[in-house]
């Protein structure tokens, strides 16, 4: 998956999980952002910080990794067990770390230009 495809998938999934539950305004209010920020994320003009990804996922009732699952992939349902909760927490932490590294790399590239 390219960086552009990743961004497109994220924007699509936020819209999809938000549909029927939140407007951009109500989602933004719930996670203490402006609706313009949500609009920019959904419009692929801005990539959210790791902390914002965690807030978005929580407000949308999904796990962070689900925001990055391509829309043509069947959603993954994980049985709620203590072991799976530990694994989910570890995966979430790893995804946030990966996104943080990618953002740092992108920012470094921008600053060098």
C-alpha atoms as a PDB file:
ATOM      1  CA  UNK A   1       0.000   0.000   0.000  1.00  0.00           C
ATOM      2  CA  UNK A   2       1.387   3.398  -0.949  1.00  0.00           C
ATOM      3  CA  UNK A   3       1.293   6.421   1.331  1.00  0.00           C
ATOM      4  CA  UNK A   4      -1.414   7.939  -0.869  1.00  0.00           C
ATOM      5  CA  UNK A   5      -3.506   4.749  -0.680  1.00  0.00           C
ATOM      6  CA  UNK A   6      -3.056   4.686   3.097  1.00  0.00           C
ATOM      7  CA  UNK A   7      -4.304   8.263   3.355  1.00  0.00           C
ATOM      8  CA  UNK A   8      -7.229   7.516   1.024  1.00  0.00           C
ATOM      9  CA  UNK A   9      -8.182   4.425   3.049  1.00  0.00           C
ATOM     10  CA  UNK A  10      -8.054   6.372   6.308  1.00  0.00           C
ATOM     11  CA  UNK A  11     -10.256   9.172   4.934  1.00  0.00           C
ATOM     12  CA  UNK A  12     -12.751   6.695   3.475  1.00  0.00           C
ATOM     13  CA  UNK A  13     -12.990   4.697   6.698  1.00  0.00           C
ATOM     14  CA  UNK A  14     -13.477   7.736   8.912  1.00  0.00           C
ATOM     15  CA  UNK A  15     -16.377   8.809   6.683  1.00  0.00           C
ATOM     16  CA  UNK A  16     -17.763   5.257   6.651  1.00  0.00           C
ATOM     17  CA  UNK A  17     -17.598   4.740  10.429  1.00  0.00           C
ATOM     18  CA  UNK A  18     -18.937   8.255  11.017  1.00  0.00           C
ATOM     19  CA  UNK A  19     -21.957   7.812   8.702  1.00  0.00           C
ATOM     20  CA  UNK A  20     -25.281   7.855  10.521  1.00  0.00           C
ATOM     21  CA  UNK A  21     -23.610   8.434  13.889  1.00  0.00           C
ATOM     22  CA  UNK A  22     -21.741  11.706  13.655  1.00  0.00           C
ATOM     23  CA  UNK A  23     -21.481  14.763  11.496  1.00  0.00           C
ATOM     24  CA  UNK A  24     -18.020  16.211  11.093  1.00  0.00           C
ATOM     25  CA  UNK A  25     -19.045  18.800  13.662  1.00  0.00           C
ATOM     26  CA  UNK A  26     -20.257  16.344  16.323  1.00  0.00           C
ATOM     27  CA  UNK A  27     -17.222  14.095  15.843  1.00  0.00           C
ATOM     28  CA  UNK A  28     -14.889  17.079  16.101  1.00  0.00           C
ATOM     29  CA  UNK A  29     -16.632  18.280  19.249  1.00  0.00           C
ATOM     30  CA  UNK A  30     -16.428  14.850  20.863  1.00  0.00           C
ATOM     31  CA  UNK A  31     -12.663  14.647  20.383  1.00  0.00           C
ATOM     32  CA  UNK A  32     -11.928  18.358  20.942  1.00  0.00           C
ATOM     33  CA  UNK A  33     -10.957  19.287  17.389  1.00  0.00           C
ATOM     34  CA  UNK A  34     -12.391  21.762  14.917  1.00  0.00           C
ATOM     35  CA  UNK A  35     -14.718  20.454  12.234  1.00  0.00           C
ATOM     36  CA  UNK A  36     -12.284  21.987   9.714  1.00  0.00           C
ATOM     37  CA  UNK A  37      -9.644  19.544  10.961  1.00  0.00           C
ATOM     38  CA  UNK A  38     -11.995  16.587  10.467  1.00  0.00           C
ATOM     39  CA  UNK A  39     -12.858  17.955   7.034  1.00  0.00           C
ATOM     40  CA  UNK A  40      -9.156  18.271   6.150  1.00  0.00           C
ATOM     41  CA  UNK A  41      -8.471  14.693   7.307  1.00  0.00           C
ATOM     42  CA  UNK A  42     -11.417  13.312   5.347  1.00  0.00           C
ATOM     43  CA  UNK A  43     -10.410  15.435   2.360  1.00  0.00           C
ATOM     44  CA  UNK A  44      -6.878  13.986   2.500  1.00  0.00           C
ATOM     45  CA  UNK A  45      -5.345  17.416   3.028  1.00  0.00           C
ATOM     46  CA  UNK A  46      -4.112  16.550   6.512  1.00  0.00           C
ATOM     47  CA  UNK A  47      -2.913  13.379   8.233  1.00  0.00           C
ATOM     48  CA  UNK A  48      -3.883  13.057  11.914  1.00  0.00           C
ATOM     49  CA  UNK A  49      -1.356  12.721  14.693  1.00  0.00           C
ATOM     50  CA  UNK A  50      -1.116   9.378  16.488  1.00  0.00           C
ATOM     51  CA  UNK A  51      -2.994  10.854  19.436  1.00  0.00           C
ATOM     52  CA  UNK A  52      -5.783  12.052  17.135  1.00  0.00           C
ATOM     53  CA  UNK A  53      -5.970   8.615  15.501  1.00  0.00           C
ATOM     54  CA  UNK A  54      -6.560   7.055  18.911  1.00  0.00           C
ATOM     55  CA  UNK A  55      -9.275   9.635  19.715  1.00  0.00           C
ATOM     56  CA  UNK A  56     -10.936   9.166  16.318  1.00  0.00           C
ATOM     57  CA  UNK A  57     -11.005   5.386  16.659  1.00  0.00           C
ATOM     58  CA  UNK A  58     -12.428   5.588  20.159  1.00  0.00           C
ATOM     59  CA  UNK A  59     -15.149   8.060  19.160  1.00  0.00           C
ATOM     60  CA  UNK A  60     -16.058   5.933  16.138  1.00  0.00           C
ATOM     61  CA  UNK A  61     -16.162   2.744  18.218  1.00  0.00           C
ATOM     62  CA  UNK A  62     -13.389   0.954  16.323  1.00  0.00           C
ATOM     63  CA  UNK A  63      -9.790  -0.039  16.877  1.00  0.00           C
ATOM     64  CA  UNK A  64      -7.072   2.165  15.364  1.00  0.00           C
ATOM     65  CA  UNK A  65      -6.000  -0.543  12.921  1.00  0.00           C
ATOM     66  CA  UNK A  66      -9.548  -0.702  11.515  1.00  0.00           C
ATOM     67  CA  UNK A  67      -9.149   2.834  10.206  1.00  0.00           C
ATOM     68  CA  UNK A  68      -6.439   1.491   7.885  1.00  0.00           C
ATOM     69  CA  UNK A  69      -8.195  -1.639   6.599  1.00  0.00           C
ATOM     70  CA  UNK A  70      -9.067  -1.149   2.907  1.00  0.00           C
ATOM     71  CA  UNK A  71     -12.825  -0.778   2.382  1.00  0.00           C
ATOM     72  CA  UNK A  72     -13.013  -3.764   0.066  1.00  0.00           C
ATOM     73  CA  UNK A  73     -11.747  -6.007   2.881  1.00  0.00           C
ATOM     74  CA  UNK A  74     -14.268  -7.724   5.134  1.00  0.00           C
ATOM     75  CA  UNK A  75     -14.147  -6.149   8.626  1.00  0.00           C
ATOM     76  CA  UNK A  76     -12.287  -8.133  11.229  1.00  0.00           C
ATOM     77  CA  UNK A  77     -14.167  -9.127  14.371  1.00  0.00           C
ATOM     78  CA  UNK A  78     -12.047 -10.169  17.317  1.00  0.00           C
ATOM     79  CA  UNK A  79     -13.484 -12.152  20.215  1.00  0.00           C
ATOM     80  CA  UNK A  80     -13.247 -10.263  23.512  1.00  0.00           C
ATOM     81  CA  UNK A  81     -10.892 -12.216  25.763  1.00  0.00           C
ATOM     82  CA  UNK A  82      -8.176 -10.950  28.136  1.00  0.00           C
ATOM     83  CA  UNK A  83      -5.485 -12.352  25.834  1.00  0.00           C
ATOM     84  CA  UNK A  84      -7.010 -10.668  22.785  1.00  0.00           C
ATOM     85  CA  UNK A  85      -7.330  -7.384  24.683  1.00  0.00           C
ATOM     86  CA  UNK A  86      -3.577  -7.512  25.444  1.00  0.00           C
ATOM     87  CA  UNK A  87      -2.823  -8.295  21.793  1.00  0.00           C
ATOM     88  CA  UNK A  88      -5.103  -5.473  20.638  1.00  0.00           C
ATOM     89  CA  UNK A  89      -3.370  -3.016  22.973  1.00  0.00           C
ATOM     90  CA  UNK A  90       0.023  -4.125  21.664  1.00  0.00           C
ATOM     91  CA  UNK A  91      -1.091  -3.814  18.022  1.00  0.00           C
ATOM     92  CA  UNK A  92      -2.559  -0.372  18.684  1.00  0.00           C
ATOM     93  CA  UNK A  93       0.697   0.740  20.290  1.00  0.00           C
ATOM     94  CA  UNK A  94       2.709  -0.622  17.350  1.00  0.00           C
ATOM     95  CA  UNK A  95       0.455   1.097  14.790  1.00  0.00           C
ATOM     96  CA  UNK A  96       0.705   4.398  16.640  1.00  0.00           C
ATOM     97  CA  UNK A  97       4.509   4.008  16.788  1.00  0.00           C
ATOM     98  CA  UNK A  98       4.643   3.198  13.047  1.00  0.00           C
ATOM     99  CA  UNK A  99       2.493   6.215  12.197  1.00  0.00           C
ATOM    100  CA  UNK A 100       4.622   8.410  14.466  1.00  0.00           C
ATOM    101  CA  UNK A 101       7.816   7.218  12.703  1.00  0.00           C
ATOM    102  CA  UNK A 102       6.270   7.790   9.262  1.00  0.00           C
ATOM    103  CA  UNK A 103       5.142  11.278  10.235  1.00  0.00           C
ATOM    104  CA  UNK A 104       8.564  12.131  11.642  1.00  0.00           C
ATOM    105  CA  UNK A 105      10.197  10.897   8.428  1.00  0.00           C
ATOM    106  CA  UNK A 106       7.781  12.960   6.313  1.00  0.00           C
ATOM    107  CA  UNK A 107       8.363  16.065   8.441  1.00  0.00           C
ATOM    108  CA  UNK A 108      12.141  15.605   8.239  1.00  0.00           C
ATOM    109  CA  UNK A 109      11.850  15.373   4.457  1.00  0.00           C
ATOM    110  CA  UNK A 110       9.773  18.556   4.329  1.00  0.00           C
ATOM    111  CA  UNK A 111      12.220  20.423   6.559  1.00  0.00           C
ATOM    112  CA  UNK A 112      15.155  19.414   4.333  1.00  0.00           C
ATOM    113  CA  UNK A 113      13.432  20.854   1.240  1.00  0.00           C
END
